[in-house]
């Protein structure tokens, strides 16, 4: 009887923890508004809910990554709205190749995208997160505010550098892929 009671308690605990952990991360549907469950800076929810969204993922650990597809005109309109955000450091990180992402919890094909909105808060604001390094993203500047909202552009035939005009209040950074390639090549040449 005692053993049966311990087994029942262990089962309840495992099920409760599993249900709680399942709620920590989720896919973001492509249609409708994005509700991150946090008080976001003004304008961020509207950007996140853009109709160009092709995929998204969010976690209660403090981040949401949302991916969008479109042409240069659509990106320029999105960038203009991004530049209107107040009291946040605004960064556009440019990557040299188109983006694609395997969806986390569904068997659908990879989502191809042209830009990404990365929203971080709380624990996710720790500098140099390992998943950012794995994705090849440059480290973002940590704001004094509790949010970082970074826009990533993935160049392709649909959107080229000649197509975009970056507002003066948005800092431009390289995603680091080309610099990594050059450094790797130099290191290989330096070996006897």
N, C-alpha and C. Protein backbone atom coordinates (compact mmCIF):
# COMPACT_ATOMS: atom_id res chain seq x y z
N UNK A 1 0.82 -1.19 0.00
CA UNK A 1 0.00 0.00 0.00
C UNK A 1 0.87 1.26 0.00
N UNK A 2 1.89 1.26 0.86
CA UNK A 2 2.79 2.41 0.93
C UNK A 2 3.49 2.62 -0.41
N UNK A 3 3.89 1.53 -1.03
CA UNK A 3 4.56 1.59 -2.33
C UNK A 3 3.62 2.15 -3.40
N UNK A 4 2.37 1.74 -3.36
CA UNK A 4 1.37 2.21 -4.31
C UNK A 4 1.12 3.71 -4.13
N UNK A 5 1.09 4.17 -2.91
CA UNK A 5 0.90 5.59 -2.62
C UNK A 5 2.09 6.41 -3.13
N UNK A 6 3.30 5.91 -2.93
CA UNK A 6 4.49 6.61 -3.42
C UNK A 6 4.50 6.67 -4.95
N UNK A 7 4.10 5.59 -5.60
CA UNK A 7 4.03 5.56 -7.05
C UNK A 7 2.98 6.55 -7.56
N UNK A 8 1.85 6.62 -6.90
CA UNK A 8 0.80 7.56 -7.29
C UNK A 8 1.28 9.00 -7.13
N UNK A 9 1.97 9.31 -6.04
CA UNK A 9 2.50 10.66 -5.81
C UNK A 9 3.54 11.01 -6.87
N UNK A 10 4.41 10.07 -7.16
CA UNK A 10 5.45 10.32 -8.18
C UNK A 10 4.80 10.57 -9.53
N UNK A 11 3.78 9.83 -9.87
CA UNK A 11 3.08 10.01 -11.15
C UNK A 11 2.45 11.39 -11.23
N UNK A 12 1.79 11.82 -10.16
CA UNK A 12 1.17 13.14 -10.13
C UNK A 12 2.22 14.23 -10.30
N UNK A 13 3.34 14.11 -9.62
CA UNK A 13 4.41 15.11 -9.71
C UNK A 13 4.96 15.17 -11.13
N UNK A 14 5.22 14.02 -11.73
CA UNK A 14 5.76 13.99 -13.09
C UNK A 14 4.77 14.61 -14.07
N UNK A 15 3.51 14.28 -13.95
CA UNK A 15 2.50 14.86 -14.85
C UNK A 15 2.37 16.37 -14.65
N UNK A 16 2.41 16.81 -13.42
CA UNK A 16 2.30 18.25 -13.14
C UNK A 16 3.50 19.00 -13.71
N UNK A 17 4.70 18.46 -13.51
CA UNK A 17 5.91 19.11 -14.05
C UNK A 17 5.89 19.11 -15.57
N UNK A 18 5.47 18.02 -16.17
CA UNK A 18 5.40 17.95 -17.63
C UNK A 18 4.44 18.98 -18.19
N UNK A 19 3.29 19.14 -17.57
CA UNK A 19 2.32 20.13 -18.03
C UNK A 19 2.87 21.54 -17.88
N UNK A 20 3.58 21.79 -16.79
CA UNK A 20 4.16 23.12 -16.58
C UNK A 20 5.24 23.39 -17.60
N UNK A 21 6.10 22.40 -17.87
CA UNK A 21 7.17 22.59 -18.83
C UNK A 21 6.62 22.77 -20.25
N UNK A 22 5.54 22.07 -20.57
CA UNK A 22 4.95 22.21 -21.90
C UNK A 22 4.52 23.65 -22.15
N UNK A 23 4.08 24.34 -21.09
CA UNK A 23 3.64 25.73 -21.24
C UNK A 23 4.78 26.72 -21.31
N UNK A 24 6.03 26.28 -21.15
CA UNK A 24 7.15 27.20 -21.16
C UNK A 24 7.57 27.64 -22.56
N UNK A 25 7.22 26.87 -23.57
CA UNK A 25 7.61 27.21 -24.93
C UNK A 25 6.50 26.80 -25.89
N UNK A 26 6.34 27.57 -26.96
CA UNK A 26 5.28 27.23 -27.90
C UNK A 26 5.52 27.86 -29.26
N UNK A 27 4.91 27.25 -30.26
CA UNK A 27 4.90 27.81 -31.61
C UNK A 27 3.95 29.00 -31.61
N UNK A 28 4.23 29.97 -32.46
CA UNK A 28 3.35 31.11 -32.62
C UNK A 28 2.63 30.94 -33.96
N UNK A 29 1.31 30.89 -33.96
CA UNK A 29 0.60 30.71 -35.23
C UNK A 29 0.83 31.89 -36.17
N UNK A 30 0.69 31.63 -37.46
CA UNK A 30 0.96 32.66 -38.47
C UNK A 30 -0.13 33.71 -38.58
N UNK A 31 -1.29 33.43 -38.07
CA UNK A 31 -2.38 34.39 -38.20
C UNK A 31 -2.76 34.94 -36.83
N UNK A 32 -3.21 36.15 -36.82
CA UNK A 32 -3.67 36.74 -35.57
C UNK A 32 -2.57 37.42 -34.78
N UNK A 33 -2.98 38.09 -33.73
CA UNK A 33 -2.02 38.84 -32.91
C UNK A 33 -1.13 37.92 -32.08
N UNK A 34 0.06 38.41 -31.78
CA UNK A 34 0.98 37.69 -30.91
C UNK A 34 0.79 38.24 -29.50
N UNK A 35 0.50 37.35 -28.59
CA UNK A 35 0.35 37.75 -27.19
C UNK A 35 1.46 37.10 -26.40
N UNK A 36 2.45 37.89 -26.04
CA UNK A 36 3.62 37.35 -25.35
C UNK A 36 3.41 37.23 -23.85
N UNK A 37 2.33 37.78 -23.35
CA UNK A 37 2.05 37.65 -21.93
C UNK A 37 2.84 38.60 -21.05
N UNK A 38 3.51 39.54 -21.64
CA UNK A 38 4.30 40.51 -20.89
C UNK A 38 3.89 41.90 -21.34
N UNK A 39 4.16 42.87 -20.53
CA UNK A 39 3.88 44.25 -20.93
C UNK A 39 5.01 44.70 -21.85
N UNK A 40 4.73 44.67 -23.13
CA UNK A 40 5.74 45.01 -24.13
C UNK A 40 5.83 46.51 -24.32
N UNK A 41 6.99 47.00 -24.74
CA UNK A 41 7.10 48.42 -25.10
C UNK A 41 6.12 48.74 -26.22
N UNK A 42 5.65 49.97 -26.25
CA UNK A 42 4.67 50.40 -27.25
C UNK A 42 5.15 50.08 -28.66
N UNK A 43 4.28 49.52 -29.47
CA UNK A 43 4.57 49.22 -30.87
C UNK A 43 5.12 47.84 -31.13
N UNK A 44 5.66 47.16 -30.14
CA UNK A 44 6.28 45.85 -30.35
C UNK A 44 5.22 44.79 -30.70
N UNK A 45 4.10 44.81 -30.01
CA UNK A 45 3.05 43.83 -30.30
C UNK A 45 2.53 43.98 -31.72
N UNK A 46 2.41 45.22 -32.20
CA UNK A 46 1.96 45.44 -33.58
C UNK A 46 2.98 44.89 -34.57
N UNK A 47 4.25 45.12 -34.32
CA UNK A 47 5.30 44.57 -35.20
C UNK A 47 5.25 43.04 -35.19
N UNK A 48 5.14 42.48 -34.00
CA UNK A 48 5.12 41.03 -33.87
C UNK A 48 3.93 40.41 -34.59
N UNK A 49 2.84 41.12 -34.65
CA UNK A 49 1.61 40.60 -35.24
C UNK A 49 1.47 40.90 -36.73
N UNK A 50 2.51 41.34 -37.38
CA UNK A 50 2.47 41.68 -38.79
C UNK A 50 1.93 40.52 -39.63
N UNK A 51 1.19 40.84 -40.67
CA UNK A 51 0.59 39.80 -41.51
C UNK A 51 1.61 39.06 -42.36
N UNK A 52 2.85 39.50 -42.40
CA UNK A 52 3.90 38.83 -43.17
C UNK A 52 4.54 37.67 -42.40
N UNK A 53 4.06 37.39 -41.19
CA UNK A 53 4.69 36.37 -40.35
C UNK A 53 4.47 34.98 -40.95
N UNK A 54 5.56 34.21 -41.06
CA UNK A 54 5.48 32.85 -41.58
C UNK A 54 5.74 31.79 -40.51
N UNK A 55 6.26 32.21 -39.38
CA UNK A 55 6.56 31.26 -38.31
C UNK A 55 6.95 32.05 -37.06
N UNK A 56 6.84 31.42 -35.92
CA UNK A 56 7.26 32.06 -34.68
C UNK A 56 7.42 31.05 -33.57
N UNK A 57 8.21 31.42 -32.60
CA UNK A 57 8.45 30.57 -31.44
C UNK A 57 8.65 31.49 -30.26
N UNK A 58 8.03 31.16 -29.14
CA UNK A 58 8.22 31.98 -27.94
C UNK A 58 8.37 31.09 -26.72
N UNK A 59 9.00 31.66 -25.71
CA UNK A 59 9.25 30.93 -24.48
C UNK A 59 8.99 31.85 -23.30
N UNK A 60 8.47 31.27 -22.23
CA UNK A 60 8.30 32.07 -21.02
C UNK A 60 9.63 32.31 -20.32
N UNK A 61 10.72 31.73 -20.88
CA UNK A 61 12.05 32.03 -20.36
C UNK A 61 12.53 33.40 -20.81
N UNK A 62 11.77 34.08 -21.65
CA UNK A 62 12.09 35.46 -21.97
C UNK A 62 12.48 35.75 -23.40
N UNK A 63 11.98 35.01 -24.36
CA UNK A 63 12.26 35.41 -25.74
C UNK A 63 11.16 34.97 -26.68
N UNK A 64 11.05 35.72 -27.75
CA UNK A 64 10.18 35.35 -28.86
C UNK A 64 10.95 35.63 -30.14
N UNK A 65 11.02 34.66 -31.01
CA UNK A 65 11.64 34.82 -32.32
C UNK A 65 10.54 34.65 -33.35
N UNK A 66 10.35 35.67 -34.17
CA UNK A 66 9.25 35.69 -35.13
C UNK A 66 9.82 35.94 -36.51
N UNK A 67 9.42 35.11 -37.50
CA UNK A 67 10.00 35.17 -38.82
C UNK A 67 8.97 35.62 -39.84
N UNK A 68 9.42 36.42 -40.81
CA UNK A 68 8.55 37.06 -41.78
C UNK A 68 9.11 36.87 -43.19
N UNK A 69 8.21 36.83 -44.17
CA UNK A 69 8.61 36.73 -45.57
C UNK A 69 7.96 37.86 -46.35
N UNK A 70 8.69 38.36 -47.32
CA UNK A 70 8.15 39.42 -48.15
C UNK A 70 9.22 39.98 -49.06
N UNK A 71 8.82 40.97 -49.83
CA UNK A 71 9.76 41.60 -50.75
C UNK A 71 10.35 42.85 -50.11
N UNK A 72 11.14 43.58 -50.89
CA UNK A 72 11.81 44.78 -50.38
C UNK A 72 10.82 45.82 -49.90
N UNK A 73 9.70 45.97 -50.60
CA UNK A 73 8.68 46.95 -50.20
C UNK A 73 8.09 46.59 -48.83
N UNK A 74 7.77 45.32 -48.63
CA UNK A 74 7.21 44.87 -47.35
C UNK A 74 8.23 45.05 -46.23
N UNK A 75 9.50 44.70 -46.50
CA UNK A 75 10.52 44.87 -45.46
C UNK A 75 10.73 46.35 -45.13
N UNK A 76 10.76 47.19 -46.14
CA UNK A 76 10.96 48.63 -45.91
C UNK A 76 9.85 49.20 -45.05
N UNK A 77 8.62 48.78 -45.29
CA UNK A 77 7.50 49.24 -44.45
C UNK A 77 7.67 48.74 -43.02
N UNK A 78 8.09 47.49 -42.86
CA UNK A 78 8.31 46.91 -41.53
C UNK A 78 9.43 47.65 -40.81
N UNK A 79 10.53 47.91 -41.52
CA UNK A 79 11.67 48.62 -40.95
C UNK A 79 11.27 50.03 -40.51
N UNK A 80 10.45 50.70 -41.29
CA UNK A 80 9.98 52.05 -40.93
C UNK A 80 9.18 52.01 -39.63
N UNK A 81 8.35 50.98 -39.45
CA UNK A 81 7.59 50.83 -38.20
C UNK A 81 8.52 50.49 -37.04
N UNK A 82 9.50 49.64 -37.28
CA UNK A 82 10.50 49.28 -36.26
C UNK A 82 11.23 50.54 -35.78
N UNK A 83 11.58 51.42 -36.70
CA UNK A 83 12.32 52.64 -36.37
C UNK A 83 11.51 53.58 -35.48
N UNK A 84 10.20 53.39 -35.40
CA UNK A 84 9.34 54.25 -34.57
C UNK A 84 9.31 53.81 -33.10
N UNK A 85 9.89 52.65 -32.78
CA UNK A 85 9.90 52.19 -31.39
C UNK A 85 10.67 53.19 -30.54
N UNK A 86 10.17 53.48 -29.36
CA UNK A 86 10.78 54.48 -28.47
C UNK A 86 11.49 53.81 -27.30
N UNK A 87 12.53 54.48 -26.82
CA UNK A 87 13.23 54.10 -25.59
C UNK A 87 13.85 52.70 -25.63
N UNK A 88 14.23 52.25 -26.82
CA UNK A 88 14.92 50.96 -26.97
C UNK A 88 16.09 51.15 -27.93
N UNK A 89 17.19 50.44 -27.72
CA UNK A 89 18.24 50.46 -28.75
C UNK A 89 17.73 49.68 -29.96
N UNK A 90 17.79 50.28 -31.12
CA UNK A 90 17.29 49.65 -32.34
C UNK A 90 18.46 49.18 -33.19
N UNK A 91 18.46 47.88 -33.51
CA UNK A 91 19.56 47.28 -34.26
C UNK A 91 19.01 46.46 -35.42
N UNK A 92 19.61 46.68 -36.58
CA UNK A 92 19.35 45.86 -37.75
C UNK A 92 20.60 45.03 -37.99
N UNK A 93 20.48 43.71 -37.86
CA UNK A 93 21.61 42.80 -38.06
C UNK A 93 21.42 42.16 -39.43
N UNK A 94 22.40 42.35 -40.32
CA UNK A 94 22.27 41.88 -41.70
C UNK A 94 23.06 40.58 -41.89
N UNK A 95 22.38 39.59 -42.47
CA UNK A 95 22.96 38.28 -42.74
C UNK A 95 23.04 38.10 -44.26
N UNK A 96 24.08 37.43 -44.77
CA UNK A 96 24.31 37.39 -46.22
C UNK A 96 23.49 36.36 -47.01
N UNK A 97 22.65 35.60 -46.37
CA UNK A 97 21.93 34.54 -47.08
C UNK A 97 20.50 34.45 -46.59
N UNK A 98 19.61 33.90 -47.41
CA UNK A 98 18.21 33.73 -46.99
C UNK A 98 18.12 32.85 -45.76
N UNK A 99 17.08 33.04 -44.99
CA UNK A 99 16.89 32.25 -43.77
C UNK A 99 15.87 31.15 -43.96
N UNK A 100 16.04 30.08 -43.20
CA UNK A 100 15.02 29.04 -43.13
C UNK A 100 15.13 28.41 -41.75
N UNK A 101 14.00 27.97 -41.25
CA UNK A 101 13.94 27.46 -39.88
C UNK A 101 13.07 26.23 -39.85
N UNK A 102 13.57 25.16 -39.22
CA UNK A 102 12.73 23.99 -39.03
C UNK A 102 11.76 24.31 -37.90
N UNK A 103 10.53 24.07 -38.11
CA UNK A 103 9.53 24.34 -37.08
C UNK A 103 9.74 23.36 -35.93
N UNK A 104 9.57 23.86 -34.72
CA UNK A 104 9.93 23.09 -33.53
C UNK A 104 9.02 21.89 -33.26
N UNK A 105 7.72 22.08 -33.29
CA UNK A 105 6.80 21.05 -32.82
C UNK A 105 5.86 20.52 -33.88
N UNK A 106 6.08 20.87 -35.13
CA UNK A 106 5.18 20.40 -36.18
C UNK A 106 5.99 19.74 -37.29
N UNK A 107 5.33 18.92 -38.08
CA UNK A 107 6.05 18.20 -39.13
C UNK A 107 6.00 18.94 -40.46
N UNK A 108 5.59 20.19 -40.44
CA UNK A 108 5.55 20.98 -41.67
C UNK A 108 6.98 21.21 -42.19
N UNK A 109 7.12 21.53 -43.47
CA UNK A 109 8.46 21.79 -44.00
C UNK A 109 9.08 23.04 -43.38
N UNK A 110 10.34 23.22 -43.66
CA UNK A 110 11.05 24.39 -43.14
C UNK A 110 10.35 25.67 -43.57
N UNK A 111 10.35 26.65 -42.69
CA UNK A 111 9.77 27.95 -43.01
C UNK A 111 10.88 28.83 -43.58
N UNK A 112 10.68 29.35 -44.77
CA UNK A 112 11.65 30.26 -45.38
C UNK A 112 11.23 31.68 -45.06
N UNK A 113 12.19 32.52 -44.69
CA UNK A 113 11.86 33.86 -44.27
C UNK A 113 12.92 34.85 -44.73
N UNK A 114 12.54 36.12 -44.70
CA UNK A 114 13.44 37.19 -45.14
C UNK A 114 13.91 38.07 -43.99
N UNK A 115 13.12 38.14 -42.92
CA UNK A 115 13.57 38.88 -41.74
C UNK A 115 13.00 38.26 -40.48
N UNK A 116 13.64 38.61 -39.38
CA UNK A 116 13.28 38.05 -38.07
C UNK A 116 13.21 39.18 -37.05
N UNK A 117 12.19 39.14 -36.22
CA UNK A 117 12.10 40.04 -35.07
C UNK A 117 12.41 39.21 -33.84
N UNK A 118 13.42 39.61 -33.11
CA UNK A 118 13.82 38.90 -31.90
C UNK A 118 13.52 39.80 -30.70
N UNK A 119 12.63 39.33 -29.84
CA UNK A 119 12.24 40.08 -28.64
C UNK A 119 12.74 39.31 -27.44
N UNK A 120 13.52 39.96 -26.59
CA UNK A 120 14.07 39.30 -25.41
C UNK A 120 13.76 40.12 -24.16
N UNK A 121 13.53 39.42 -23.07
CA UNK A 121 13.30 40.07 -21.79
C UNK A 121 13.78 39.12 -20.70
N UNK A 122 13.93 39.63 -19.50
CA UNK A 122 14.29 38.80 -18.36
C UNK A 122 15.59 38.04 -18.55
N UNK A 123 15.56 36.75 -18.26
CA UNK A 123 16.76 35.92 -18.28
C UNK A 123 17.39 35.83 -19.67
N UNK A 124 16.59 36.00 -20.70
CA UNK A 124 17.12 35.89 -22.07
C UNK A 124 18.03 37.06 -22.45
N UNK A 125 18.07 38.10 -21.64
CA UNK A 125 18.94 39.23 -21.93
C UNK A 125 20.39 38.99 -21.55
N UNK A 126 20.70 37.79 -21.05
CA UNK A 126 22.09 37.49 -20.73
C UNK A 126 22.90 37.55 -22.01
N UNK A 127 24.02 38.23 -21.93
CA UNK A 127 24.87 38.42 -23.11
C UNK A 127 25.44 37.09 -23.60
N UNK A 128 25.54 36.97 -24.93
CA UNK A 128 26.16 35.81 -25.58
C UNK A 128 25.45 34.49 -25.26
N UNK A 129 24.13 34.48 -25.39
CA UNK A 129 23.41 33.22 -25.21
C UNK A 129 23.92 32.19 -26.20
N UNK A 130 24.00 30.95 -25.77
CA UNK A 130 24.55 29.90 -26.63
C UNK A 130 23.70 29.68 -27.87
N UNK A 131 22.37 29.81 -27.78
CA UNK A 131 21.56 29.57 -28.97
C UNK A 131 21.73 30.70 -29.98
N UNK A 132 22.05 31.93 -29.53
CA UNK A 132 22.34 33.00 -30.47
C UNK A 132 23.62 32.68 -31.24
N UNK A 133 24.65 32.17 -30.55
CA UNK A 133 25.89 31.81 -31.22
C UNK A 133 25.65 30.70 -32.23
N UNK A 134 24.84 29.72 -31.85
CA UNK A 134 24.58 28.60 -32.75
C UNK A 134 23.85 29.07 -34.00
N UNK A 135 22.99 30.06 -33.87
CA UNK A 135 22.26 30.58 -35.02
C UNK A 135 23.12 31.53 -35.85
N UNK A 136 24.30 31.90 -35.35
CA UNK A 136 25.17 32.81 -36.08
C UNK A 136 24.82 34.27 -35.88
N UNK A 137 23.99 34.57 -34.90
CA UNK A 137 23.59 35.95 -34.66
C UNK A 137 24.68 36.69 -33.88
N UNK A 138 24.84 37.95 -34.21
CA UNK A 138 25.76 38.80 -33.45
C UNK A 138 25.13 39.08 -32.09
N UNK A 139 25.96 39.25 -31.07
CA UNK A 139 25.44 39.60 -29.75
C UNK A 139 24.78 40.97 -29.83
N UNK A 140 23.64 41.10 -29.20
CA UNK A 140 22.94 42.38 -29.23
C UNK A 140 23.39 43.25 -28.06
N UNK A 141 23.22 44.54 -28.20
CA UNK A 141 23.53 45.47 -27.13
C UNK A 141 22.47 45.35 -26.06
N UNK A 142 22.88 45.19 -24.81
CA UNK A 142 21.91 45.06 -23.74
C UNK A 142 21.37 46.43 -23.34
N UNK A 143 20.06 46.60 -23.33
CA UNK A 143 19.48 47.89 -22.98
C UNK A 143 19.37 48.06 -21.48
N UNK A 144 19.27 49.32 -21.01
CA UNK A 144 19.01 49.53 -19.60
C UNK A 144 17.57 49.13 -19.27
N UNK A 145 16.70 49.13 -20.28
CA UNK A 145 15.32 48.72 -20.10
C UNK A 145 15.26 47.20 -20.03
N UNK A 146 14.12 46.65 -19.63
CA UNK A 146 14.04 45.20 -19.52
C UNK A 146 13.74 44.48 -20.83
N UNK A 147 13.87 45.14 -21.97
CA UNK A 147 13.59 44.51 -23.26
C UNK A 147 14.69 44.80 -24.27
N UNK A 148 14.94 43.85 -25.17
CA UNK A 148 15.77 44.07 -26.35
C UNK A 148 14.95 43.60 -27.54
N UNK A 149 14.85 44.45 -28.53
CA UNK A 149 14.07 44.14 -29.73
C UNK A 149 14.99 44.35 -30.93
N UNK A 150 15.44 43.25 -31.53
CA UNK A 150 16.42 43.30 -32.61
C UNK A 150 15.79 42.79 -33.90
N UNK A 151 16.09 43.47 -34.99
CA UNK A 151 15.59 43.06 -36.30
C UNK A 151 16.75 42.47 -37.10
N UNK A 152 16.54 41.27 -37.66
CA UNK A 152 17.53 40.60 -38.49
C UNK A 152 17.03 40.57 -39.92
N UNK A 153 17.88 40.92 -40.88
CA UNK A 153 17.55 40.85 -42.30
C UNK A 153 18.42 39.78 -42.95
N UNK A 154 17.80 38.91 -43.75
CA UNK A 154 18.50 37.85 -44.45
C UNK A 154 18.43 38.18 -45.94
N UNK A 155 19.57 38.59 -46.49
CA UNK A 155 19.60 39.04 -47.88
C UNK A 155 19.29 37.90 -48.85
N UNK A 156 18.63 38.27 -49.96
CA UNK A 156 18.27 37.30 -50.99
C UNK A 156 17.96 38.08 -52.26
N UNK A 157 17.50 37.38 -53.27
CA UNK A 157 17.06 38.07 -54.48
C UNK A 157 15.86 38.97 -54.20
N UNK A 158 15.06 38.62 -53.20
CA UNK A 158 13.86 39.39 -52.87
C UNK A 158 14.21 40.72 -52.19
N UNK A 159 15.28 40.73 -51.39
CA UNK A 159 15.70 41.94 -50.67
C UNK A 159 17.22 42.03 -50.73
N UNK A 160 17.73 43.09 -51.35
CA UNK A 160 19.17 43.30 -51.45
C UNK A 160 19.53 44.57 -50.68
N UNK A 161 20.82 44.79 -50.48
CA UNK A 161 21.26 46.00 -49.78
C UNK A 161 20.83 47.26 -50.53
N UNK A 162 20.81 47.19 -51.84
CA UNK A 162 20.38 48.36 -52.64
C UNK A 162 18.92 48.70 -52.44
N UNK A 163 18.12 47.74 -51.97
CA UNK A 163 16.68 47.94 -51.80
C UNK A 163 16.30 48.65 -50.51
N UNK A 164 17.20 48.67 -49.54
CA UNK A 164 16.78 49.14 -48.22
C UNK A 164 17.37 50.51 -47.89
N UNK A 165 16.58 51.27 -47.17
CA UNK A 165 17.02 52.55 -46.62
C UNK A 165 16.82 52.43 -45.11
N UNK A 166 17.92 52.51 -44.38
CA UNK A 166 17.86 52.32 -42.93
C UNK A 166 17.72 53.67 -42.26
N UNK A 167 16.67 53.87 -41.45
CA UNK A 167 16.51 55.13 -40.72
C UNK A 167 17.73 55.42 -39.84
N UNK A 168 18.01 56.68 -39.63
CA UNK A 168 19.21 57.11 -38.90
C UNK A 168 19.26 56.58 -37.46
N UNK A 169 18.11 56.35 -36.84
CA UNK A 169 18.11 55.91 -35.44
C UNK A 169 18.28 54.40 -35.27
N UNK A 170 18.49 53.68 -36.36
CA UNK A 170 18.68 52.22 -36.31
C UNK A 170 20.15 51.92 -36.59
N UNK A 171 20.81 51.27 -35.64
CA UNK A 171 22.20 50.87 -35.82
C UNK A 171 22.26 49.63 -36.70
N UNK A 172 23.21 49.58 -37.62
CA UNK A 172 23.37 48.44 -38.51
C UNK A 172 24.59 47.63 -38.07
N UNK A 173 24.41 46.31 -38.00
CA UNK A 173 25.50 45.40 -37.65
C UNK A 173 25.53 44.25 -38.63
N UNK A 174 26.69 43.64 -38.74
CA UNK A 174 26.83 42.42 -39.53
C UNK A 174 26.43 41.23 -38.66
N UNK A 175 25.83 40.24 -39.28
CA UNK A 175 25.50 39.01 -38.56
C UNK A 175 26.74 38.20 -38.20
N UNK A 176 27.87 38.52 -38.80
CA UNK A 176 29.13 37.88 -38.45
C UNK A 176 29.52 36.70 -39.32
N UNK A 177 28.63 36.25 -40.20
CA UNK A 177 28.94 35.06 -41.01
C UNK A 177 30.11 35.30 -41.95
N UNK A 178 30.16 36.43 -42.61
CA UNK A 178 31.25 36.71 -43.54
C UNK A 178 32.56 36.87 -42.79
N UNK A 179 32.53 37.57 -41.67
CA UNK A 179 33.74 37.72 -40.86
C UNK A 179 34.25 36.36 -40.38
N UNK A 180 33.34 35.48 -39.98
CA UNK A 180 33.74 34.14 -39.55
C UNK A 180 34.37 33.36 -40.71
N UNK A 181 33.80 33.47 -41.89
CA UNK A 181 34.34 32.80 -43.06
C UNK A 181 35.75 33.29 -43.38
N UNK A 182 35.94 34.63 -43.36
CA UNK A 182 37.25 35.21 -43.66
C UNK A 182 38.28 34.77 -42.60
N UNK A 183 37.91 34.81 -41.33
CA UNK A 183 38.82 34.41 -40.26
C UNK A 183 39.21 32.93 -40.39
N UNK A 184 38.23 32.09 -40.72
CA UNK A 184 38.51 30.66 -40.89
C UNK A 184 39.45 30.42 -42.06
N UNK A 185 39.25 31.15 -43.14
CA UNK A 185 40.12 31.01 -44.31
C UNK A 185 41.53 31.48 -44.00
N UNK A 186 41.65 32.62 -43.29
CA UNK A 186 42.99 33.11 -42.91
C UNK A 186 43.71 32.12 -42.01
N UNK A 187 42.97 31.53 -41.08
CA UNK A 187 43.57 30.55 -40.16
C UNK A 187 44.05 29.32 -40.93
N UNK A 188 43.25 28.90 -41.92
CA UNK A 188 43.65 27.74 -42.72
C UNK A 188 44.88 28.03 -43.55
N UNK A 189 44.99 29.25 -44.08
CA UNK A 189 46.16 29.64 -44.90
C UNK A 189 47.41 29.77 -44.03
N UNK A 190 47.22 30.17 -42.79
CA UNK A 190 48.36 30.37 -41.88
C UNK A 190 48.99 29.07 -41.42
N UNK A 191 48.25 27.97 -41.49
CA UNK A 191 48.79 26.67 -41.08
C UNK A 191 49.78 26.19 -42.14
N UNK A 192 50.99 25.74 -41.68
CA UNK A 192 52.00 25.27 -42.66
C UNK A 192 51.63 23.96 -43.29
